[in-house]
Amino acid sequence: ESRMLVARAFGHACRHLEWSTTPNYAVLNGQSLPRDNFLVEWCRTAPNLVSLDASSHVCITMERAAAIGSACPLLEDVKFSGWDEVSPAETWARCFPKLRQVHLSPDRSGE
């Protein structure tokens, strides 16, 4: 896909990313469709990322958050949607060691 070509070319220089995709309403057995995993793949090309806004139509799981945190160890500010569970800040700090701010929205559209 063309977005991965851009990621491979410029991801290493990316420091701030606002990620949006088409609405992902299809859910099967509580699992979102694989297109949300594309964000993880993109983040693997951007190890210098310090802020990520993925609050628009992206469903986050702790597994996805851990993969993003592992790929982008410098992340300080993150925004996710599709999160309606209660979790302590320490849980997120394990995924993002340099975390300063996390914004979680239960609304999958990020509003």
PDB file of N, CA and C in Angstrom:
ATOM      1  N   GLU A   1       0.838  -1.185   0.000  1.00  0.00           N
ATOM      2  CA  GLU A   1       0.000   0.000   0.000  1.00  0.00           C
ATOM      3  C   GLU A   1       0.886   1.252   0.000  1.00  0.00           C
ATOM      4  N   SER A   2       0.372   2.322  -0.577  1.00  0.00           N
ATOM      5  CA  SER A   2       1.149   3.551  -0.726  1.00  0.00           C
ATOM      6  C   SER A   2       1.541   4.154   0.616  1.00  0.00           C
ATOM      7  N   ARG A   3       0.697   3.995   1.650  1.00  0.00           N
ATOM      8  CA  ARG A   3       1.043   4.564   2.959  1.00  0.00           C
ATOM      9  C   ARG A   3       2.291   3.898   3.536  1.00  0.00           C
ATOM     10  N   MET A   4       2.496   2.615   3.258  1.00  0.00           N
ATOM     11  CA  MET A   4       3.694   1.943   3.760  1.00  0.00           C
ATOM     12  C   MET A   4       4.934   2.412   3.008  1.00  0.00           C
ATOM     13  N   LEU A   5       4.797   2.735   1.732  1.00  0.00           N
ATOM     14  CA  LEU A   5       5.932   3.290   0.995  1.00  0.00           C
ATOM     15  C   LEU A   5       6.356   4.620   1.601  1.00  0.00           C
ATOM     16  N   VAL A   6       5.384   5.450   1.944  1.00  0.00           N
ATOM     17  CA  VAL A   6       5.666   6.730   2.601  1.00  0.00           C
ATOM     18  C   VAL A   6       6.300   6.473   3.962  1.00  0.00           C
ATOM     19  N   ALA A   7       5.771   5.524   4.705  1.00  0.00           N
ATOM     20  CA  ALA A   7       6.303   5.215   6.033  1.00  0.00           C
ATOM     21  C   ALA A   7       7.757   4.769   5.945  1.00  0.00           C
ATOM     22  N   ARG A   8       8.055   3.909   4.995  1.00  0.00           N
ATOM     23  CA  ARG A   8       9.441   3.423   4.859  1.00  0.00           C
ATOM     24  C   ARG A   8      10.390   4.548   4.462  1.00  0.00           C
ATOM     25  N   ALA A   9       9.893   5.490   3.671  1.00  0.00           N
ATOM     26  CA  ALA A   9      10.739   6.590   3.215  1.00  0.00           C
ATOM     27  C   ALA A   9      10.927   7.673   4.275  1.00  0.00           C
ATOM     28  N   PHE A  10       9.863   7.981   5.031  1.00  0.00           N
ATOM     29  CA  PHE A  10       9.908   9.129   5.933  1.00  0.00           C
ATOM     30  C   PHE A  10       9.668   8.806   7.402  1.00  0.00           C
ATOM     31  N   GLY A  11       9.307   7.583   7.714  1.00  0.00           N
ATOM     32  CA  GLY A  11       8.963   7.215   9.086  1.00  0.00           C
ATOM     33  C   GLY A  11      10.057   7.517  10.096  1.00  0.00           C
ATOM     34  N   HIS A  12      11.307   7.298   9.731  1.00  0.00           N
ATOM     35  CA  HIS A  12      12.418   7.525  10.659  1.00  0.00           C
ATOM     36  C   HIS A  12      12.521   8.984  11.105  1.00  0.00           C
ATOM     37  N   ALA A  13      12.007   9.908  10.284  1.00  0.00           N
ATOM     38  CA  ALA A  13      12.079  11.332  10.620  1.00  0.00           C
ATOM     39  C   ALA A  13      10.804  11.850  11.289  1.00  0.00           C
ATOM     40  N   CYS A  14       9.793  11.013  11.352  1.00  0.00           N
ATOM     41  CA  CYS A  14       8.494  11.439  11.893  1.00  0.00           C
ATOM     42  C   CYS A  14       8.550  11.541  13.422  1.00  0.00           C
ATOM     43  N   ARG A  15       8.116  12.675  13.965  1.00  0.00           N
ATOM     44  CA  ARG A  15       8.086  12.884  15.416  1.00  0.00           C
ATOM     45  C   ARG A  15       6.659  12.980  15.950  1.00  0.00           C
ATOM     46  N   HIS A  16       5.730  13.443  15.112  1.00  0.00           N
ATOM     47  CA  HIS A  16       4.330  13.610  15.501  1.00  0.00           C
ATOM     48  C   HIS A  16       3.467  13.004  14.402  1.00  0.00           C
ATOM     49  N   LEU A  17       2.503  12.187  14.815  1.00  0.00           N
ATOM     50  CA  LEU A  17       1.651  11.535  13.836  1.00  0.00           C
ATOM     51  C   LEU A  17       0.196  11.623  14.264  1.00  0.00           C
ATOM     52  N   GLU A  18      -0.652  12.093  13.351  1.00  0.00           N
ATOM     53  CA  GLU A  18      -2.093  12.053  13.555  1.00  0.00           C
ATOM     54  C   GLU A  18      -2.628  11.021  12.580  1.00  0.00           C
ATOM     55  N   TRP A  19      -3.084   9.916  13.124  1.00  0.00           N
ATOM     56  CA  TRP A  19      -3.517   8.781  12.314  1.00  0.00           C
ATOM     57  C   TRP A  19      -5.032   8.770  12.203  1.00  0.00           C
ATOM     58  N   SER A  20      -5.525   8.662  11.008  1.00  0.00           N
ATOM     59  CA  SER A  20      -6.967   8.496  10.834  1.00  0.00           C
ATOM     60  C   SER A  20      -7.197   7.497   9.715  1.00  0.00           C
ATOM     61  N   THR A  21      -8.315   6.858   9.798  1.00  0.00           N
ATOM     62  CA  THR A  21      -8.672   5.864   8.801  1.00  0.00           C
ATOM     63  C   THR A  21     -10.177   5.895   8.635  1.00  0.00           C
ATOM     64  N   THR A  22     -10.675   5.142   7.722  1.00  0.00           N
ATOM     65  CA  THR A  22     -12.128   5.079   7.551  1.00  0.00           C
ATOM     66  C   THR A  22     -12.740   4.390   8.757  1.00  0.00           C
ATOM     67  N   PRO A  23     -13.994   4.671   9.056  1.00  0.00           N
ATOM     68  CA  PRO A  23     -14.627   4.039  10.216  1.00  0.00           C
ATOM     69  C   PRO A  23     -14.515   2.521  10.159  1.00  0.00           C
ATOM     70  N   ASN A  24     -14.207   1.960  11.295  1.00  0.00           N
ATOM     71  CA  ASN A  24     -14.024   0.522  11.396  1.00  0.00           C
ATOM     72  C   ASN A  24     -15.157  -0.052  12.238  1.00  0.00           C
ATOM     73  N   TYR A  25     -16.335  -0.148  11.670  1.00  0.00           N
ATOM     74  CA  TYR A  25     -17.480  -0.601  12.430  1.00  0.00           C
ATOM     75  C   TYR A  25     -17.602  -2.109  12.478  1.00  0.00           C
ATOM     76  N   ALA A  26     -16.932  -2.804  11.604  1.00  0.00           N
ATOM     77  CA  ALA A  26     -17.043  -4.256  11.563  1.00  0.00           C
ATOM     78  C   ALA A  26     -16.264  -4.875  12.719  1.00  0.00           C
ATOM     79  N   VAL A  27     -16.988  -5.556  13.569  1.00  0.00           N
ATOM     80  CA  VAL A  27     -16.372  -6.215  14.715  1.00  0.00           C
ATOM     81  C   VAL A  27     -16.848  -7.652  14.726  1.00  0.00           C
ATOM     82  N   LEU A  28     -15.926  -8.571  14.896  1.00  0.00           N
ATOM     83  CA  LEU A  28     -16.256  -9.983  14.932  1.00  0.00           C
ATOM     84  C   LEU A  28     -15.793 -10.558  16.250  1.00  0.00           C
ATOM     85  N   ASN A  29     -16.710 -11.046  17.045  1.00  0.00           N
ATOM     86  CA  ASN A  29     -16.390 -11.622  18.349  1.00  0.00           C
ATOM     87  C   ASN A  29     -15.561 -10.685  19.219  1.00  0.00           C
ATOM     88  N   GLY A  30     -15.894  -9.417  19.186  1.00  0.00           N
ATOM     89  CA  GLY A  30     -15.197  -8.445  20.018  1.00  0.00           C
ATOM     90  C   GLY A  30     -13.844  -8.013  19.484  1.00  0.00           C
ATOM     91  N   GLN A  31     -13.425  -8.517  18.344  1.00  0.00           N
ATOM     92  CA  GLN A  31     -12.125  -8.168  17.765  1.00  0.00           C
ATOM     93  C   GLN A  31     -12.335  -7.242  16.572  1.00  0.00           C
ATOM     94  N   SER A  32     -11.558  -6.177  16.517  1.00  0.00           N
ATOM     95  CA  SER A  32     -11.675  -5.258  15.390  1.00  0.00           C
ATOM     96  C   SER A  32     -10.990  -5.865  14.172  1.00  0.00           C
ATOM     97  N   LEU A  33     -11.332  -5.337  13.027  1.00  0.00           N
ATOM     98  CA  LEU A  33     -10.748  -5.846  11.797  1.00  0.00           C
ATOM     99  C   LEU A  33      -9.256  -5.559  11.738  1.00  0.00           C
ATOM    100  N   PRO A  34      -8.504  -6.361  10.992  1.00  0.00           N
ATOM    101  CA  PRO A  34      -7.052  -6.218  10.929  1.00  0.00           C
ATOM    102  C   PRO A  34      -6.539  -4.872  10.452  1.00  0.00           C
ATOM    103  N   ARG A  35      -7.390  -4.044   9.813  1.00  0.00           N
ATOM    104  CA  ARG A  35      -6.857  -2.779   9.304  1.00  0.00           C
ATOM    105  C   ARG A  35      -6.319  -1.887  10.435  1.00  0.00           C
ATOM    106  N   ASP A  36      -6.757  -2.094  11.668  1.00  0.00           N
ATOM    107  CA  ASP A  36      -6.193  -1.351  12.794  1.00  0.00           C
ATOM    108  C   ASP A  36      -4.750  -1.759  13.057  1.00  0.00           C
ATOM    109  N   ASN A  37      -4.393  -2.966  12.672  1.00  0.00           N
ATOM    110  CA  ASN A  37      -3.016  -3.416  12.844  1.00  0.00           C
ATOM    111  C   ASN A  37      -2.059  -2.672  11.916  1.00  0.00           C
ATOM    112  N   PHE A  38      -2.579  -2.051  10.892  1.00  0.00           N
ATOM    113  CA  PHE A  38      -1.747  -1.281   9.971  1.00  0.00           C
ATOM    114  C   PHE A  38      -1.051  -0.134  10.696  1.00  0.00           C
ATOM    115  N   LEU A  39      -1.697   0.419  11.706  1.00  0.00           N
ATOM    116  CA  LEU A  39      -1.077   1.475  12.514  1.00  0.00           C
ATOM    117  C   LEU A  39       0.188   0.950  13.183  1.00  0.00           C
ATOM    118  N   VAL A  40       0.135  -0.254  13.706  1.00  0.00           N
ATOM    119  CA  VAL A  40       1.311  -0.859  14.342  1.00  0.00           C
ATOM    120  C   VAL A  40       2.436  -1.001  13.330  1.00  0.00           C
ATOM    121  N   GLU A  41       2.111  -1.462  12.146  1.00  0.00           N
ATOM    122  CA  GLU A  41       3.127  -1.610  11.096  1.00  0.00           C
ATOM    123  C   GLU A  41       3.755  -0.264  10.753  1.00  0.00           C
ATOM    124  N   TRP A  42       2.926   0.771  10.660  1.00  0.00           N
ATOM    125  CA  TRP A  42       3.449   2.097  10.342  1.00  0.00           C
ATOM    126  C   TRP A  42       4.378   2.573  11.459  1.00  0.00           C
ATOM    127  N   CYS A  43       3.976   2.356  12.701  1.00  0.00           N
ATOM    128  CA  CYS A  43       4.786   2.799  13.842  1.00  0.00           C
ATOM    129  C   CYS A  43       6.143   2.108  13.874  1.00  0.00           C
ATOM    130  N   ARG A  44       6.220   0.909  13.365  1.00  0.00           N
ATOM    131  CA  ARG A  44       7.510   0.199  13.331  1.00  0.00           C
ATOM    132  C   ARG A  44       8.526   0.910  12.452  1.00  0.00           C
ATOM    133  N   THR A  45       8.069   1.778  11.565  1.00  0.00           N
ATOM    134  CA  THR A  45       8.985   2.532  10.715  1.00  0.00           C
ATOM    135  C   THR A  45       9.316   3.900  11.309  1.00  0.00           C
ATOM    136  N   ALA A  46       8.719   4.226  12.470  1.00  0.00           N
ATOM    137  CA  ALA A  46       8.868   5.565  13.058  1.00  0.00           C
ATOM    138  C   ALA A  46       9.351   5.490  14.510  1.00  0.00           C
ATOM    139  N   PRO A  47      10.577   5.031  14.729  1.00  0.00           N
ATOM    140  CA  PRO A  47      11.056   4.869  16.108  1.00  0.00           C
ATOM    141  C   PRO A  47      11.259   6.177  16.865  1.00  0.00           C
ATOM    142  N   ASN A  48      11.268   7.318  16.175  1.00  0.00           N
ATOM    143  CA  ASN A  48      11.488   8.615  16.833  1.00  0.00           C
ATOM    144  C   ASN A  48      10.195   9.351  17.164  1.00  0.00           C
ATOM    145  N   LEU A  49       9.073   8.684  17.023  1.00  0.00           N
ATOM    146  CA  LEU A  49       7.778   9.287  17.296  1.00  0.00           C
ATOM    147  C   LEU A  49       7.665   9.673  18.770  1.00  0.00           C
ATOM    148  N   VAL A  50       7.214  10.914  19.053  1.00  0.00           N
ATOM    149  CA  VAL A  50       7.004  11.360  20.436  1.00  0.00           C
ATOM    150  C   VAL A  50       5.533  11.619  20.739  1.00  0.00           C
ATOM    151  N   SER A  51       4.713  11.851  19.707  1.00  0.00           N
ATOM    152  CA  SER A  51       3.280  12.008  19.953  1.00  0.00           C
ATOM    153  C   SER A  51       2.499  11.285  18.864  1.00  0.00           C
ATOM    154  N   LEU A  52       1.434  10.623  19.305  1.00  0.00           N
ATOM    155  CA  LEU A  52       0.594   9.862  18.401  1.00  0.00           C
ATOM    156  C   LEU A  52      -0.865  10.132  18.732  1.00  0.00           C
ATOM    157  N   ASP A  53      -1.594  10.621  17.755  1.00  0.00           N
ATOM    158  CA  ASP A  53      -3.035  10.816  17.897  1.00  0.00           C
ATOM    159  C   ASP A  53      -3.717   9.820  16.972  1.00  0.00           C
ATOM    160  N   ALA A  54      -4.169   8.727  17.558  1.00  0.00           N
ATOM    161  CA  ALA A  54      -4.880   7.697  16.804  1.00  0.00           C
ATOM    162  C   ALA A  54      -6.305   7.602  17.337  1.00  0.00           C
ATOM    163  N   SER A  55      -6.902   8.754  17.573  1.00  0.00           N
ATOM    164  CA  SER A  55      -8.227   8.788  18.187  1.00  0.00           C
ATOM    165  C   SER A  55      -9.362   8.786  17.169  1.00  0.00           C
ATOM    166  N   SER A  56      -9.054   8.670  15.909  1.00  0.00           N
ATOM    167  CA  SER A  56     -10.094   8.711  14.894  1.00  0.00           C
ATOM    168  C   SER A  56     -10.286   7.334  14.251  1.00  0.00           C
ATOM    169  N   HIS A  57     -11.306   6.638  14.692  1.00  0.00           N
ATOM    170  CA  HIS A  57     -11.712   5.358  14.123  1.00  0.00           C
ATOM    171  C   HIS A  57     -10.662   4.258  14.251  1.00  0.00           C
ATOM    172  N   VAL A  58      -9.892   4.248  15.317  1.00  0.00           N
ATOM    173  CA  VAL A  58      -8.921   3.188  15.572  1.00  0.00           C
ATOM    174  C   VAL A  58      -9.274   2.530  16.897  1.00  0.00           C
ATOM    175  N   CYS A  59      -9.337   1.222  16.909  1.00  0.00           N
ATOM    176  CA  CYS A  59      -9.614   0.491  18.146  1.00  0.00           C
ATOM    177  C   CYS A  59      -8.287   0.035  18.736  1.00  0.00           C
ATOM    178  N   ILE A  60      -8.057   0.395  19.975  1.00  0.00           N
ATOM    179  CA  ILE A  60      -6.804   0.039  20.624  1.00  0.00           C
ATOM    180  C   ILE A  60      -7.025  -1.143  21.566  1.00  0.00           C
ATOM    181  N   THR A  61      -6.045  -1.998  21.629  1.00  0.00           N
ATOM    182  CA  THR A  61      -6.014  -3.087  22.609  1.00  0.00           C
ATOM    183  C   THR A  61      -4.690  -2.951  23.337  1.00  0.00           C
ATOM    184  N   MET A  62      -4.558  -3.581  24.476  1.00  0.00           N
ATOM    185  CA  MET A  62      -3.279  -3.510  25.201  1.00  0.00           C
ATOM    186  C   MET A  62      -2.177  -4.175  24.381  1.00  0.00           C
ATOM    187  N   GLU A  63      -2.513  -5.206  23.641  1.00  0.00           N
ATOM    188  CA  GLU A  63      -1.523  -5.865  22.786  1.00  0.00           C
ATOM    189  C   GLU A  63      -1.011  -4.900  21.714  1.00  0.00           C
ATOM    190  N   ARG A  64      -1.940  -4.179  21.086  1.00  0.00           N
ATOM    191  CA  ARG A  64      -1.551  -3.183  20.080  1.00  0.00           C
ATOM    192  C   ARG A  64      -0.754  -2.043  20.708  1.00  0.00           C
ATOM    193  N   ALA A  65      -1.188  -1.585  21.887  1.00  0.00           N
ATOM    194  CA  ALA A  65      -0.470  -0.510  22.576  1.00  0.00           C
ATOM    195  C   ALA A  65       0.956  -0.944  22.911  1.00  0.00           C
ATOM    196  N   ALA A  66       1.119  -2.165  23.384  1.00  0.00           N
ATOM    197  CA  ALA A  66       2.462  -2.671  23.713  1.00  0.00           C
ATOM    198  C   ALA A  66       3.339  -2.743  22.463  1.00  0.00           C
ATOM    199  N   ALA A  67       2.770  -3.172  21.349  1.00  0.00           N
ATOM    200  CA  ALA A  67       3.534  -3.246  20.097  1.00  0.00           C
ATOM    201  C   ALA A  67       3.946  -1.853  19.625  1.00  0.00           C
ATOM    202  N   ILE A  68       3.042  -0.891  19.744  1.00  0.00           N
ATOM    203  CA  ILE A  68       3.361   0.487  19.359  1.00  0.00           C
ATOM    204  C   ILE A  68       4.440   1.046  20.277  1.00  0.00           C
ATOM    205  N   GLY A  69       4.295   0.820  21.581  1.00  0.00           N
ATOM    206  CA  GLY A  69       5.291   1.294  22.542  1.00  0.00           C
ATOM    207  C   GLY A  69       6.661   0.683  22.315  1.00  0.00           C
ATOM    208  N   SER A  70       6.682  -0.574  21.954  1.00  0.00           N
ATOM    209  CA  SER A  70       7.948  -1.245  21.662  1.00  0.00           C
ATOM    210  C   SER A  70       8.595  -0.670  20.403  1.00  0.00           C
ATOM    211  N   ALA A  71       7.771  -0.371  19.409  1.00  0.00           N
ATOM    212  CA  ALA A  71       8.279   0.188  18.152  1.00  0.00           C
ATOM    213  C   ALA A  71       8.701   1.647  18.283  1.00  0.00           C
ATOM    214  N   CYS A  72       8.042   2.375  19.202  1.00  0.00           N
ATOM    215  CA  CYS A  72       8.271   3.818  19.372  1.00  0.00           C
ATOM    216  C   CYS A  72       8.574   4.115  20.846  1.00  0.00           C
ATOM    217  N   PRO A  73       9.761   3.799  21.301  1.00  0.00           N
ATOM    218  CA  PRO A  73      10.079   3.938  22.725  1.00  0.00           C
ATOM    219  C   PRO A  73      10.122   5.380  23.242  1.00  0.00           C
ATOM    220  N   LEU A  74      10.107   6.367  22.361  1.00  0.00           N
ATOM    221  CA  LEU A  74      10.162   7.770  22.776  1.00  0.00           C
ATOM    222  C   LEU A  74       8.786   8.404  22.949  1.00  0.00           C
ATOM    223  N   LEU A  75       7.713   7.653  22.679  1.00  0.00           N
ATOM    224  CA  LEU A  75       6.361   8.217  22.763  1.00  0.00           C
ATOM    225  C   LEU A  75       6.075   8.780  24.142  1.00  0.00           C
ATOM    226  N   GLU A  76       5.606  10.027  24.155  1.00  0.00           N
ATOM    227  CA  GLU A  76       5.252  10.721  25.402  1.00  0.00           C
ATOM    228  C   GLU A  76       3.764  11.012  25.498  1.00  0.00           C
ATOM    229  N   ASP A  77       3.129  11.306  24.378  1.00  0.00           N
ATOM    230  CA  ASP A  77       1.711  11.680  24.358  1.00  0.00           C
ATOM    231  C   ASP A  77       0.974  10.785  23.374  1.00  0.00           C
ATOM    232  N   VAL A  78      -0.065  10.103  23.861  1.00  0.00           N
ATOM    233  CA  VAL A  78      -0.845   9.226  22.996  1.00  0.00           C
ATOM    234  C   VAL A  78      -2.336   9.482  23.187  1.00  0.00           C
ATOM    235  N   LYS A  79      -3.086   9.349  22.093  1.00  0.00           N
ATOM    236  CA  LYS A  79      -4.551   9.469  22.111  1.00  0.00           C
ATOM    237  C   LYS A  79      -5.113   8.275  21.360  1.00  0.00           C
ATOM    238  N   PHE A  80      -6.038   7.566  22.019  1.00  0.00           N
ATOM    239  CA  PHE A  80      -6.676   6.409  21.397  1.00  0.00           C
ATOM    240  C   PHE A  80      -8.171   6.468  21.613  1.00  0.00           C
ATOM    241  N   SER A  81      -8.906   5.829  20.727  1.00  0.00           N
ATOM    242  CA  SER A  81     -10.349   5.689  20.896  1.00  0.00           C
ATOM    243  C   SER A  81     -10.687   4.201  20.950  1.00  0.00           C
ATOM    244  N   GLY A  82     -11.952   3.919  21.204  1.00  0.00           N
ATOM    245  CA  GLY A  82     -12.387   2.536  21.255  1.00  0.00           C
ATOM    246  C   GLY A  82     -11.969   1.826  22.522  1.00  0.00           C
ATOM    247  N   TRP A  83     -11.660   2.594  23.571  1.00  0.00           N
ATOM    248  CA  TRP A  83     -11.221   2.012  24.842  1.00  0.00           C
ATOM    249  C   TRP A  83     -12.267   2.332  25.887  1.00  0.00           C
ATOM    250  N   ASP A  84     -12.992   1.321  26.344  1.00  0.00           N
ATOM    251  CA  ASP A  84     -14.039   1.576  27.328  1.00  0.00           C
ATOM    252  C   ASP A  84     -13.824   0.809  28.621  1.00  0.00           C
ATOM    253  N   GLU A  85     -12.620   0.322  28.827  1.00  0.00           N
ATOM    254  CA  GLU A  85     -12.299  -0.376  30.060  1.00  0.00           C
ATOM    255  C   GLU A  85     -11.612   0.581  31.020  1.00  0.00           C
ATOM    256  N   VAL A  86     -11.597   0.209  32.281  1.00  0.00           N
ATOM    257  CA  VAL A  86     -10.876   0.988  33.281  1.00  0.00           C
ATOM    258  C   VAL A  86      -9.482   0.383  33.382  1.00  0.00           C
ATOM    259  N   SER A  87      -8.481   1.225  33.310  1.00  0.00           N
ATOM    260  CA  SER A  87      -7.110   0.732  33.469  1.00  0.00           C
ATOM    261  C   SER A  87      -6.276   1.813  34.144  1.00  0.00           C
ATOM    262  N   PRO A  88      -5.438   1.407  35.079  1.00  0.00           N
ATOM    263  CA  PRO A  88      -4.612   2.393  35.767  1.00  0.00           C
ATOM    264  C   PRO A  88      -3.521   2.960  34.853  1.00  0.00           C
ATOM    265  N   ALA A  89      -3.063   4.134  35.196  1.00  0.00           N
ATOM    266  CA  ALA A  89      -2.006   4.782  34.414  1.00  0.00           C
ATOM    267  C   ALA A  89      -0.759   3.913  34.344  1.00  0.00           C
ATOM    268  N   GLU A  90      -0.515   3.143  35.395  1.00  0.00           N
ATOM    269  CA  GLU A  90       0.668   2.278  35.414  1.00  0.00           C
ATOM    270  C   GLU A  90       0.644   1.256  34.284  1.00  0.00           C
ATOM    271  N   THR A  91      -0.548   0.812  33.919  1.00  0.00           N
ATOM    272  CA  THR A  91      -0.679  -0.137  32.813  1.00  0.00           C
ATOM    273  C   THR A  91      -0.172   0.481  31.520  1.00  0.00           C
ATOM    274  N   TRP A  92      -0.567   1.717  31.279  1.00  0.00           N
ATOM    275  CA  TRP A  92      -0.140   2.406  30.067  1.00  0.00           C
ATOM    276  C   TRP A  92       1.338   2.771  30.136  1.00  0.00           C
ATOM    277  N   ALA A  93       1.826   3.078  31.321  1.00  0.00           N
ATOM    278  CA  ALA A  93       3.241   3.425  31.479  1.00  0.00           C
ATOM    279  C   ALA A  93       4.139   2.234  31.144  1.00  0.00           C
ATOM    280  N   ARG A  94       3.635   1.025  31.355  1.00  0.00           N
ATOM    281  CA  ARG A  94       4.422  -0.158  30.973  1.00  0.00           C
ATOM    282  C   ARG A  94       4.587  -0.232  29.456  1.00  0.00           C
ATOM    283  N   CYS A  95       3.574   0.202  28.734  1.00  0.00           N
ATOM    284  CA  CYS A  95       3.647   0.192  27.269  1.00  0.00           C
ATOM    285  C   CYS A  95       4.488   1.345  26.733  1.00  0.00           C
ATOM    286  N   PHE A  96       4.395   2.487  27.419  1.00  0.00           N
ATOM    287  CA  PHE A  96       5.066   3.704  26.970  1.00  0.00           C
ATOM    288  C   PHE A  96       5.905   4.259  28.123  1.00  0.00           C
ATOM    289  N   PRO A  97       7.147   3.857  28.262  1.00  0.00           N
ATOM    290  CA  PRO A  97       7.973   4.259  29.411  1.00  0.00           C
ATOM    291  C   PRO A  97       8.153   5.763  29.592  1.00  0.00           C
ATOM    292  N   LYS A  98       8.086   6.540  28.525  1.00  0.00           N
ATOM    293  CA  LYS A  98       8.269   7.998  28.627  1.00  0.00           C
ATOM    294  C   LYS A  98       6.931   8.746  28.657  1.00  0.00           C
ATOM    295  N   LEU A  99       5.859   8.035  28.904  1.00  0.00           N
ATOM    296  CA  LEU A  99       4.514   8.598  28.850  1.00  0.00           C
ATOM    297  C   LEU A  99       4.333   9.797  29.777  1.00  0.00           C
ATOM    298  N   ARG A 100       3.801  10.879  29.208  1.00  0.00           N
ATOM    299  CA  ARG A 100       3.425  12.062  29.982  1.00  0.00           C
ATOM    300  C   ARG A 100       1.910  12.212  30.002  1.00  0.00           C
ATOM    301  N   GLN A 101       1.268  11.870  28.873  1.00  0.00           N
ATOM    302  CA  GLN A 101      -0.174  12.066  28.769  1.00  0.00           C
ATOM    303  C   GLN A 101      -0.787  10.974  27.897  1.00  0.00           C
ATOM    304  N   VAL A 102      -1.895  10.416  28.396  1.00  0.00           N
ATOM    305  CA  VAL A 102      -2.671   9.466  27.601  1.00  0.00           C
ATOM    306  C   VAL A 102      -4.125   9.913  27.629  1.00  0.00           C
ATOM    307  N   HIS A 103      -4.739   9.949  26.459  1.00  0.00           N
ATOM    308  CA  HIS A 103      -6.150  10.329  26.341  1.00  0.00           C
ATOM    309  C   HIS A 103      -6.876   9.136  25.734  1.00  0.00           C
ATOM    310  N   LEU A 104      -7.849   8.608  26.479  1.00  0.00           N
ATOM    311  CA  LEU A 104      -8.595   7.427  26.030  1.00  0.00           C
ATOM    312  C   LEU A 104     -10.060   7.789  25.884  1.00  0.00           C
ATOM    313  N   SER A 105     -10.627   7.456  24.757  1.00  0.00           N
ATOM    314  CA  SER A 105     -12.038   7.732  24.506  1.00  0.00           C
ATOM    315  C   SER A 105     -12.761   6.431  24.199  1.00  0.00           C
ATOM    316  N   PRO A 106     -13.932   6.223  24.821  1.00  0.00           N
ATOM    317  CA  PRO A 106     -14.688   5.015  24.499  1.00  0.00           C
ATOM    318  C   PRO A 106     -15.332   5.073  23.124  1.00  0.00           C
ATOM    319  N   ASP A 107     -15.503   6.268  22.603  1.00  0.00           N
ATOM    320  CA  ASP A 107     -16.135   6.458  21.294  1.00  0.00           C
ATOM    321  C   ASP A 107     -15.144   6.100  20.199  1.00  0.00           C
ATOM    322  N   ARG A 108     -15.508   5.189  19.335  1.00  0.00           N
ATOM    323  CA  ARG A 108     -14.595   4.742  18.269  1.00  0.00           C
ATOM    324  C   ARG A 108     -14.290   5.834  17.249  1.00  0.00           C
ATOM    325  N   SER A 109     -15.077   6.887  17.244  1.00  0.00           N
ATOM    326  CA  SER A 109     -14.777   7.988  16.317  1.00  0.00           C
ATOM    327  C   SER A 109     -13.834   8.996  16.952  1.00  0.00           C
ATOM    328  N   GLY A 110     -13.480   8.816  18.224  1.00  0.00           N
ATOM    329  CA  GLY A 110     -12.533   9.681  18.891  1.00  0.00           C
ATOM    330  C   GLY A 110     -13.117  10.946  19.445  1.00  0.00           C
ATOM    331  N   GLU A 111     -14.430  11.084  19.416  1.00  0.00           N
ATOM    332  CA  GLU A 111     -15.043  12.319  19.909  1.00  0.00           C
ATOM    333  C   GLU A 111     -15.423  12.209  21.357  1.00  0.00           C
TER     334      GLU A 111
END
